Amino acid sequence: DGKLARLLKSSKYLEDIIEGQRSEKVKEGVGYNAVPPLAADLYLSPKKDLSWTGLPEFMDDTVTDYS
């Protein structure tokens, strides 16, 4: 009976220690422990299509006659 009481007391003590390690915001369930979103500078605006600005000998001929 004494071993069971000590085990329950130790278990409660361990739960209290673990609970004390958690921040208040996590306890409230706000979600601050979730993975943060990527930094805003990773969302770059689309760049101008530079595929037609290469050297003339590497450009494809443009089709102008569809007959």
Protein backbone atom coordinates (compact mmCIF):
# COMPACT_ATOMS: atom_id res chain seq x y z
CA ASP A 1 0.00 0.00 0.00
CA GLY A 2 2.90 2.34 0.78
CA LYS A 3 4.54 1.67 -2.58
CA LEU A 4 1.36 2.57 -4.44
CA ALA A 5 0.99 5.81 -2.48
CA ARG A 6 4.62 6.76 -3.20
CA LEU A 7 4.17 5.92 -6.88
CA LEU A 8 1.04 8.07 -7.13
CA LYS A 9 2.76 10.92 -5.27
CA SER A 10 5.81 10.69 -7.55
CA SER A 11 3.60 10.60 -10.62
CA LYS A 12 1.72 13.71 -9.47
CA TYR A 13 5.02 15.45 -8.68
CA LEU A 14 6.31 14.63 -12.18
CA GLU A 15 3.11 15.94 -13.79
CA ASP A 16 3.45 19.17 -11.80
CA ILE A 17 7.05 19.60 -12.97
CA ILE A 18 6.10 19.00 -16.61
CA GLU A 19 3.14 21.38 -16.35
CA GLY A 20 5.43 24.03 -14.88
CA GLN A 21 7.70 23.77 -17.93
CA ARG A 22 4.94 24.75 -20.34
CA SER A 23 4.46 28.40 -21.16
CA GLU A 24 1.21 30.12 -20.29
CA LYS A 25 0.33 30.68 -23.96
CA VAL A 26 0.63 26.96 -24.69
CA LYS A 27 -1.49 26.17 -21.66
CA GLU A 28 -4.19 28.50 -22.95
CA GLY A 29 -4.18 26.64 -26.26
CA VAL A 30 -3.30 29.71 -28.32
CA GLY A 31 -1.05 27.58 -30.53
CA TYR A 32 2.28 29.30 -30.07
CA ASN A 33 3.92 25.90 -29.93
CA ALA A 34 3.00 25.23 -33.57
CA VAL A 35 5.50 25.64 -36.40
CA PRO A 36 5.67 29.32 -37.36
CA PRO A 37 4.89 30.36 -40.95
CA LEU A 38 7.74 31.05 -43.31
CA ALA A 39 9.34 34.49 -43.26
CA ALA A 40 7.57 37.11 -45.39
CA ASP A 41 10.65 37.69 -47.53
CA LEU A 42 10.37 34.14 -48.88
CA TYR A 43 7.17 35.14 -50.68
CA LEU A 44 8.76 36.99 -53.55
CA SER A 45 6.73 38.62 -56.27
CA PRO A 46 6.86 36.90 -59.67
CA LYS A 47 9.83 37.86 -61.77
CA LYS A 48 9.60 39.08 -65.34
CA ASP A 49 9.94 36.26 -67.87
CA LEU A 50 13.49 36.59 -69.13
CA SER A 51 13.36 33.64 -71.52
CA TRP A 52 13.20 35.88 -74.63
CA THR A 53 16.09 38.14 -73.67
CA GLY A 54 18.89 35.67 -74.54
CA LEU A 55 21.25 35.78 -77.45
CA PRO A 56 19.49 36.03 -80.84
CA GLU A 57 21.03 32.80 -82.19
CA PHE A 58 19.40 30.81 -79.37
CA MET A 59 15.90 32.25 -79.79
CA ASP A 60 13.18 30.26 -81.57
CA ASP A 61 11.69 31.61 -84.77
CA THR A 62 8.32 33.19 -84.10
CA VAL A 63 5.49 31.76 -86.20
CA THR A 64 3.68 34.55 -88.03
CA ASP A 65 2.00 32.61 -90.85
CA TYR A 66 -0.61 30.09 -89.70
CA SER A 67 -1.72 28.93 -93.21
